Each structure stands twice: as C-alpha cells, then as structure tokens.
Amino acid sequence: MSSAEQTRTFLSGGTGGLPRQGGSPLEGGAGAEGDRAPAGGPESPEVRLRRLAGVAVWALALVLAGSASAIVSLFHIFGDAPAWFTPAFITTGVVGMLLTMMAFATLRFKGVPWMFMAAASVTLLAAFAMLYMV
C-alpha cells in the first residue's frame, strides 16, 4: 500500500485490515463489539467524569485538611509530644493516602470509590482526634 493510499485510508476512517482497538489480533480485529459486557451489566468499563470530578474534589478537601493537620502535628512532634504520637500520626496519614489512591484506582466501579473516600475521611478525623489528645 502506498503512502497516499495509507493517508487516504486513515483520513476516510477505513481500517485497512488493521485490528480494532480493544480487539484481539488473533480474532482478526472484530473484538470491539463482541467483547463488551451487555448493557444491563452491573458495572460499566468507562469512567464517569462526574464520578471522577466528585472524587477529585473530595480528595482535594482531604489534602487541604491533612496538610493543615500535618503542619500542626510538626509543632507537636518537635515539641513535647508523647512517644506514641509520631508513629500513630504517620501511620494514620499513610493509610489515609492509600485509601484515597484506592478510590482513584476503583473509579470505574459504582460505589467503591465513595467507600474508600469515606474511610480516608475517617482516618483524617482520627488524625484530628490525635491532635486534640496531645
């Protein structure tokens, strides 16, 4: 196939014998329609942008509140904090970050990201409770 024919095929939208995206090369490229789950399935493979925006805004709120609590905790850590405070506070922050990352990793599922974000919020509340106890 000459470069002019390739350009014409590309611009016209023809496949020119190439497999479709998402299709297996062994099936001859006919996999895009046949591989999808039925429309009435429980989960959609696509990420809803509304869900992504909601999780991102919630994560932003957690980051801002977590940064504020981290700054306050630094004064306690370098000051007269008990021995249990530093490892407990750091562990709480790491668990909260992992839960938030898992929320982004599970965005394609319907309710799972919200459960992870709620759990991350609980860890933030636990961090604020630890700051209150010190």
N, C-alpha and C. Protein backbone atom coordinates (compact mmCIF):
# COMPACT_ATOMS: atom_id res chain seq x y z
N MET A 1 0.85 -1.16 0.00
CA MET A 1 0.00 0.00 0.00
C MET A 1 0.90 1.23 0.00
N SER A 2 0.65 2.16 -0.88
CA SER A 2 1.47 3.36 -0.95
C SER A 2 1.09 4.32 0.17
N SER A 3 1.94 5.30 0.38
CA SER A 3 1.68 6.26 1.46
C SER A 3 0.43 7.09 1.16
N ALA A 4 0.14 7.35 -0.11
CA ALA A 4 -1.07 8.10 -0.45
C ALA A 4 -2.30 7.28 -0.10
N GLU A 5 -2.26 5.95 -0.36
CA GLU A 5 -3.40 5.10 -0.01
C GLU A 5 -3.55 4.99 1.50
N GLN A 6 -2.42 4.94 2.22
CA GLN A 6 -2.48 4.88 3.68
C GLN A 6 -3.09 6.16 4.24
N THR A 7 -2.68 7.32 3.71
CA THR A 7 -3.22 8.58 4.17
C THR A 7 -4.71 8.67 3.86
N ARG A 8 -5.11 8.23 2.67
CA ARG A 8 -6.50 8.27 2.28
C ARG A 8 -7.32 7.34 3.18
N THR A 9 -6.79 6.16 3.49
CA THR A 9 -7.49 5.22 4.36
C THR A 9 -7.60 5.79 5.77
N PHE A 10 -6.53 6.41 6.25
CA PHE A 10 -6.54 6.98 7.59
C PHE A 10 -7.54 8.11 7.70
N LEU A 11 -7.54 9.00 6.70
CA LEU A 11 -8.43 10.15 6.75
C LEU A 11 -9.88 9.76 6.52
N SER A 12 -10.13 8.71 5.75
CA SER A 12 -11.51 8.31 5.48
C SER A 12 -12.09 7.46 6.60
N GLY A 13 -11.26 7.02 7.52
CA GLY A 13 -11.76 6.24 8.64
C GLY A 13 -11.78 4.76 8.38
N GLY A 14 -11.29 4.31 7.27
CA GLY A 14 -11.25 2.89 6.98
C GLY A 14 -10.14 2.21 7.77
N THR A 15 -10.30 0.94 8.04
CA THR A 15 -9.32 0.26 8.86
C THR A 15 -8.16 -0.27 8.05
N GLY A 16 -8.37 -0.62 6.84
CA GLY A 16 -7.29 -1.11 6.00
C GLY A 16 -6.72 -2.43 6.49
N GLY A 17 -7.53 -3.26 7.14
CA GLY A 17 -7.08 -4.55 7.59
C GLY A 17 -6.43 -4.54 8.97
N LEU A 18 -6.41 -3.41 9.65
CA LEU A 18 -5.83 -3.33 10.98
C LEU A 18 -6.86 -3.76 12.02
N PRO A 19 -6.42 -4.40 13.10
CA PRO A 19 -7.37 -4.79 14.14
C PRO A 19 -7.93 -3.57 14.86
N ARG A 20 -9.15 -3.70 15.34
CA ARG A 20 -9.79 -2.61 16.07
C ARG A 20 -9.19 -2.49 17.45
N GLN A 21 -9.27 -1.32 18.00
CA GLN A 21 -8.77 -1.11 19.35
C GLN A 21 -9.61 -1.93 20.33
N GLY A 22 -8.98 -2.64 21.21
CA GLY A 22 -9.69 -3.49 22.15
C GLY A 22 -9.92 -4.89 21.60
N GLY A 23 -9.66 -5.09 20.35
CA GLY A 23 -9.85 -6.40 19.75
C GLY A 23 -8.57 -7.21 19.81
N SER A 24 -8.73 -8.50 19.77
CA SER A 24 -7.57 -9.37 19.79
C SER A 24 -7.03 -9.52 18.38
N PRO A 25 -5.71 -9.47 18.19
CA PRO A 25 -5.17 -9.65 16.84
C PRO A 25 -5.44 -11.04 16.30
N LEU A 26 -5.66 -12.00 17.17
CA LEU A 26 -5.93 -13.36 16.73
C LEU A 26 -7.35 -13.51 16.18
N GLU A 27 -8.25 -12.63 16.59
CA GLU A 27 -9.63 -12.71 16.12
C GLU A 27 -9.85 -11.94 14.83
N GLY A 28 -8.84 -11.32 14.31
CA GLY A 28 -8.99 -10.57 13.06
C GLY A 28 -9.54 -9.18 13.27
N GLY A 29 -9.52 -8.67 14.50
CA GLY A 29 -9.93 -7.30 14.73
C GLY A 29 -11.41 -7.11 14.91
N ALA A 30 -12.17 -8.15 15.11
CA ALA A 30 -13.61 -7.99 15.26
C ALA A 30 -14.01 -8.01 16.72
N GLY A 31 -13.15 -7.58 17.62
CA GLY A 31 -13.41 -7.75 19.03
C GLY A 31 -14.10 -6.59 19.71
N ALA A 32 -14.22 -5.45 19.10
CA ALA A 32 -14.74 -4.28 19.81
C ALA A 32 -16.20 -4.46 20.20
N GLU A 33 -17.02 -4.94 19.32
CA GLU A 33 -18.43 -5.10 19.66
C GLU A 33 -18.68 -6.40 20.42
N GLY A 34 -17.97 -7.44 20.09
CA GLY A 34 -18.24 -8.74 20.68
C GLY A 34 -17.67 -8.92 22.08
N ASP A 35 -16.68 -8.12 22.48
CA ASP A 35 -16.04 -8.28 23.78
C ASP A 35 -16.71 -7.50 24.89
N ARG A 36 -17.57 -6.60 24.58
CA ARG A 36 -18.17 -5.76 25.61
C ARG A 36 -19.21 -6.53 26.39
N ALA A 37 -19.35 -6.13 27.66
CA ALA A 37 -20.37 -6.71 28.52
C ALA A 37 -21.73 -6.21 28.07
N PRO A 38 -22.79 -6.93 28.37
CA PRO A 38 -24.12 -6.46 28.00
C PRO A 38 -24.45 -5.14 28.68
N ALA A 39 -25.33 -4.39 28.05
CA ALA A 39 -25.66 -3.05 28.55
C ALA A 39 -26.28 -3.10 29.94
N GLY A 40 -26.93 -4.17 30.30
CA GLY A 40 -27.57 -4.26 31.60
C GLY A 40 -26.64 -4.80 32.67
N GLY A 41 -25.34 -4.88 32.39
CA GLY A 41 -24.37 -5.40 33.34
C GLY A 41 -24.24 -4.49 34.56
N PRO A 42 -23.66 -4.99 35.65
CA PRO A 42 -23.59 -4.20 36.87
C PRO A 42 -22.63 -3.02 36.79
N GLU A 43 -21.56 -3.15 36.06
CA GLU A 43 -20.56 -2.08 36.01
C GLU A 43 -20.20 -1.75 34.57
N SER A 44 -19.95 -0.49 34.34
CA SER A 44 -19.53 -0.03 33.03
C SER A 44 -18.00 0.07 33.02
N PRO A 45 -17.34 -0.34 31.94
CA PRO A 45 -15.88 -0.24 31.91
C PRO A 45 -15.39 1.20 31.79
N GLU A 46 -16.26 2.13 31.39
CA GLU A 46 -15.84 3.51 31.24
C GLU A 46 -15.93 4.22 32.58
N VAL A 47 -15.10 5.24 32.77
CA VAL A 47 -15.12 6.05 33.97
C VAL A 47 -16.04 7.24 33.73
N ARG A 48 -16.98 7.44 34.63
CA ARG A 48 -17.87 8.60 34.51
C ARG A 48 -17.12 9.83 34.98
N LEU A 49 -17.13 10.87 34.19
CA LEU A 49 -16.39 12.08 34.53
C LEU A 49 -16.98 12.77 35.75
N ARG A 50 -18.27 12.64 35.96
CA ARG A 50 -18.90 13.22 37.14
C ARG A 50 -18.36 12.54 38.40
N ARG A 51 -18.19 11.22 38.35
CA ARG A 51 -17.63 10.48 39.47
C ARG A 51 -16.18 10.88 39.70
N LEU A 52 -15.42 11.03 38.62
CA LEU A 52 -14.02 11.45 38.74
C LEU A 52 -13.92 12.83 39.36
N ALA A 53 -14.77 13.75 38.94
CA ALA A 53 -14.74 15.10 39.49
C ALA A 53 -15.12 15.09 40.97
N GLY A 54 -16.11 14.29 41.34
CA GLY A 54 -16.52 14.23 42.74
C GLY A 54 -15.43 13.68 43.64
N VAL A 55 -14.78 12.61 43.20
CA VAL A 55 -13.70 12.03 43.99
C VAL A 55 -12.52 13.00 44.05
N ALA A 56 -12.24 13.70 42.97
CA ALA A 56 -11.12 14.65 42.95
C ALA A 56 -11.37 15.82 43.91
N VAL A 57 -12.60 16.32 43.95
CA VAL A 57 -12.92 17.43 44.86
C VAL A 57 -12.83 16.96 46.30
N TRP A 58 -13.34 15.76 46.58
CA TRP A 58 -13.27 15.21 47.93
C TRP A 58 -11.80 15.00 48.33
N ALA A 59 -11.00 14.50 47.40
CA ALA A 59 -9.58 14.30 47.68
C ALA A 59 -8.88 15.63 47.93
N LEU A 60 -9.27 16.67 47.21
CA LEU A 60 -8.69 17.99 47.44
C LEU A 60 -9.01 18.49 48.85
N ALA A 61 -10.24 18.30 49.28
CA ALA A 61 -10.62 18.69 50.64
C ALA A 61 -9.80 17.92 51.68
N LEU A 62 -9.61 16.62 51.43
CA LEU A 62 -8.82 15.82 52.35
C LEU A 62 -7.36 16.27 52.37
N VAL A 63 -6.82 16.61 51.21
CA VAL A 63 -5.42 17.06 51.13
C VAL A 63 -5.24 18.38 51.88
N LEU A 64 -6.16 19.31 51.71
CA LEU A 64 -6.03 20.60 52.39
C LEU A 64 -6.14 20.43 53.90
N ALA A 65 -7.11 19.65 54.36
CA ALA A 65 -7.27 19.42 55.80
C ALA A 65 -6.10 18.60 56.34
N GLY A 66 -5.63 17.61 55.58
CA GLY A 66 -4.49 16.81 56.01
C GLY A 66 -3.22 17.61 56.08
N SER A 67 -3.03 18.54 55.16
CA SER A 67 -1.84 19.40 55.21
C SER A 67 -1.87 20.31 56.43
N ALA A 68 -3.05 20.84 56.74
CA ALA A 68 -3.17 21.67 57.93
C ALA A 68 -2.87 20.87 59.19
N SER A 69 -3.40 19.65 59.26
CA SER A 69 -3.14 18.83 60.45
C SER A 69 -1.67 18.41 60.52
N ALA A 70 -1.04 18.21 59.38
CA ALA A 70 0.38 17.84 59.37
C ALA A 70 1.25 18.98 59.85
N ILE A 71 0.91 20.20 59.49
CA ILE A 71 1.68 21.35 59.95
C ILE A 71 1.56 21.49 61.46
N VAL A 72 0.35 21.34 61.99
CA VAL A 72 0.16 21.43 63.43
C VAL A 72 0.88 20.28 64.13
N SER A 73 0.85 19.09 63.53
CA SER A 73 1.49 17.94 64.17
C SER A 73 3.01 18.10 64.22
N LEU A 74 3.59 18.80 63.24
CA LEU A 74 5.03 19.03 63.28
C LEU A 74 5.44 19.81 64.52
N PHE A 75 4.62 20.78 64.91
CA PHE A 75 4.92 21.53 66.13
C PHE A 75 4.85 20.62 67.35
N HIS A 76 3.89 19.68 67.34
CA HIS A 76 3.79 18.74 68.45
C HIS A 76 4.96 17.75 68.44
N ILE A 77 5.33 17.27 67.26
CA ILE A 77 6.41 16.28 67.16
C ILE A 77 7.74 16.89 67.61
N PHE A 78 8.02 18.12 67.16
CA PHE A 78 9.28 18.76 67.55
C PHE A 78 9.19 19.36 68.95
N GLY A 79 7.99 19.41 69.48
CA GLY A 79 7.80 19.93 70.83
C GLY A 79 7.83 18.81 71.85
N ASP A 80 6.76 18.71 72.61
CA ASP A 80 6.70 17.75 73.71
C ASP A 80 5.60 16.71 73.50
N ALA A 81 5.57 16.08 72.35
CA ALA A 81 4.57 15.06 72.05
C ALA A 81 4.95 13.75 72.73
N PRO A 82 3.96 12.95 73.15
CA PRO A 82 4.27 11.64 73.72
C PRO A 82 4.90 10.72 72.67
N ALA A 83 5.47 9.62 73.13
CA ALA A 83 6.19 8.71 72.23
C ALA A 83 5.26 8.03 71.23
N TRP A 84 4.00 7.83 71.58
CA TRP A 84 3.07 7.13 70.70
C TRP A 84 2.59 8.02 69.55
N PHE A 85 2.73 9.34 69.70
CA PHE A 85 2.08 10.25 68.76
C PHE A 85 2.68 10.17 67.35
N THR A 86 3.99 10.20 67.23
CA THR A 86 4.64 10.27 65.92
C THR A 86 4.33 9.04 65.06
N PRO A 87 4.54 7.80 65.54
CA PRO A 87 4.22 6.67 64.66
C PRO A 87 2.72 6.54 64.38
N ALA A 88 1.89 6.86 65.36
CA ALA A 88 0.45 6.74 65.15
C ALA A 88 -0.04 7.77 64.13
N PHE A 89 0.47 8.99 64.23
CA PHE A 89 0.03 10.04 63.31
C PHE A 89 0.51 9.75 61.89
N ILE A 90 1.76 9.31 61.76
CA ILE A 90 2.29 9.00 60.42
C ILE A 90 1.55 7.82 59.82
N THR A 91 1.27 6.78 60.62
CA THR A 91 0.53 5.63 60.11
C THR A 91 -0.87 6.03 59.66
N THR A 92 -1.52 6.89 60.43
CA THR A 92 -2.85 7.36 60.05
C THR A 92 -2.81 8.11 58.72
N GLY A 93 -1.80 8.94 58.53
CA GLY A 93 -1.69 9.68 57.27
C GLY A 93 -1.41 8.79 56.08
N VAL A 94 -0.53 7.80 56.27
CA VAL A 94 -0.20 6.89 55.17
C VAL A 94 -1.42 6.05 54.79
N VAL A 95 -2.15 5.56 55.79
CA VAL A 95 -3.36 4.77 55.50
C VAL A 95 -4.39 5.63 54.77
N GLY A 96 -4.54 6.87 55.19
CA GLY A 96 -5.47 7.78 54.51
C GLY A 96 -5.09 8.03 53.07
N MET A 97 -3.79 8.20 52.81
CA MET A 97 -3.35 8.40 51.43
C MET A 97 -3.57 7.15 50.59
N LEU A 98 -3.30 5.98 51.16
CA LEU A 98 -3.53 4.73 50.42
C LEU A 98 -5.01 4.54 50.10
N LEU A 99 -5.87 4.87 51.04
CA LEU A 99 -7.31 4.74 50.78
C LEU A 99 -7.76 5.71 49.68
N THR A 100 -7.20 6.90 49.68
CA THR A 100 -7.54 7.86 48.62
C THR A 100 -7.04 7.39 47.26
N MET A 101 -5.84 6.82 47.22
CA MET A 101 -5.33 6.27 45.96
C MET A 101 -6.20 5.12 45.47
N MET A 102 -6.66 4.29 46.40
CA MET A 102 -7.54 3.19 46.01
C MET A 102 -8.87 3.70 45.47
N ALA A 103 -9.33 4.84 45.97
CA ALA A 103 -10.56 5.43 45.43
C ALA A 103 -10.37 5.80 43.96
N PHE A 104 -9.22 6.36 43.63
CA PHE A 104 -8.97 6.69 42.23
C PHE A 104 -8.75 5.44 41.38
N ALA A 105 -8.19 4.41 41.98
CA ALA A 105 -7.95 3.17 41.23
C ALA A 105 -9.24 2.42 40.94
N THR A 106 -10.28 2.65 41.73
CA THR A 106 -11.54 1.92 41.56
C THR A 106 -12.64 2.82 41.03
N LEU A 107 -12.30 3.84 40.27
CA LEU A 107 -13.30 4.78 39.78
C LEU A 107 -14.33 4.15 38.86
N ARG A 108 -13.98 3.08 38.19
CA ARG A 108 -14.94 2.51 37.24
C ARG A 108 -16.06 1.75 37.91
N PHE A 109 -15.92 1.46 39.19
CA PHE A 109 -17.00 0.79 39.94
C PHE A 109 -17.91 1.84 40.55
N LYS A 110 -19.16 1.47 40.77
CA LYS A 110 -20.16 2.47 41.10
C LYS A 110 -20.01 3.05 42.51
N GLY A 111 -19.98 2.25 43.55
CA GLY A 111 -19.97 2.79 44.90
C GLY A 111 -18.66 2.63 45.64
N VAL A 112 -17.74 1.90 45.07
CA VAL A 112 -16.49 1.58 45.77
C VAL A 112 -15.64 2.82 46.05
N PRO A 113 -15.47 3.76 45.11
CA PRO A 113 -14.63 4.93 45.43
C PRO A 113 -15.16 5.74 46.60
N TRP A 114 -16.48 5.82 46.72
CA TRP A 114 -17.07 6.60 47.81
C TRP A 114 -16.80 5.93 49.15
N MET A 115 -16.78 4.60 49.18
CA MET A 115 -16.46 3.91 50.43
C MET A 115 -15.00 4.16 50.81
N PHE A 116 -14.10 4.13 49.82
CA PHE A 116 -12.70 4.41 50.10
C PHE A 116 -12.51 5.86 50.57
N MET A 117 -13.22 6.79 49.96
CA MET A 117 -13.09 8.19 50.38
C MET A 117 -13.68 8.40 51.78
N ALA A 118 -14.76 7.70 52.10
CA ALA A 118 -15.32 7.80 53.45
C ALA A 118 -14.33 7.24 54.47
N ALA A 119 -13.68 6.13 54.15
CA ALA A 119 -12.68 5.57 55.05
C ALA A 119 -11.49 6.51 55.20
N ALA A 120 -11.09 7.17 54.12
CA ALA A 120 -9.99 8.14 54.19
C ALA A 120 -10.40 9.33 55.05
N SER A 121 -11.66 9.72 55.00
CA SER A 121 -12.14 10.80 55.84
C SER A 121 -12.11 10.41 57.31
N VAL A 122 -12.40 9.15 57.59
CA VAL A 122 -12.34 8.66 58.97
C VAL A 122 -10.90 8.72 59.49
N THR A 123 -9.95 8.39 58.64
CA THR A 123 -8.55 8.49 59.07
C THR A 123 -8.15 9.94 59.33
N LEU A 124 -8.70 10.86 58.56
CA LEU A 124 -8.42 12.28 58.82
C LEU A 124 -9.04 12.72 60.14
N LEU A 125 -10.24 12.25 60.41
CA LEU A 125 -10.87 12.56 61.70
C LEU A 125 -10.07 11.96 62.84
N ALA A 126 -9.51 10.77 62.64
CA ALA A 126 -8.66 10.17 63.66
C ALA A 126 -7.40 11.00 63.88
N ALA A 127 -6.85 11.57 62.81
CA ALA A 127 -5.67 12.43 62.96
C ALA A 127 -6.02 13.68 63.75
N PHE A 128 -7.18 14.27 63.47
CA PHE A 128 -7.59 15.44 64.24
C PHE A 128 -7.86 15.09 65.71
N ALA A 129 -8.38 13.89 65.95
CA ALA A 129 -8.60 13.44 67.33
C ALA A 129 -7.27 13.27 68.05
N MET A 130 -6.27 12.74 67.36
CA MET A 130 -4.94 12.61 67.98
C MET A 130 -4.34 13.97 68.28
N LEU A 131 -4.56 14.94 67.39
CA LEU A 131 -4.07 16.29 67.66
C LEU A 131 -4.76 16.89 68.88
N TYR A 132 -6.03 16.57 69.05
CA TYR A 132 -6.78 17.09 70.18
C TYR A 132 -6.31 16.45 71.50
N MET A 133 -5.90 15.18 71.42
CA MET A 133 -5.47 14.47 72.63
C MET A 133 -4.09 14.92 73.11
N VAL A 134 -3.28 15.45 72.22
CA VAL A 134 -1.91 15.82 72.60
C VAL A 134 -1.89 17.17 73.26
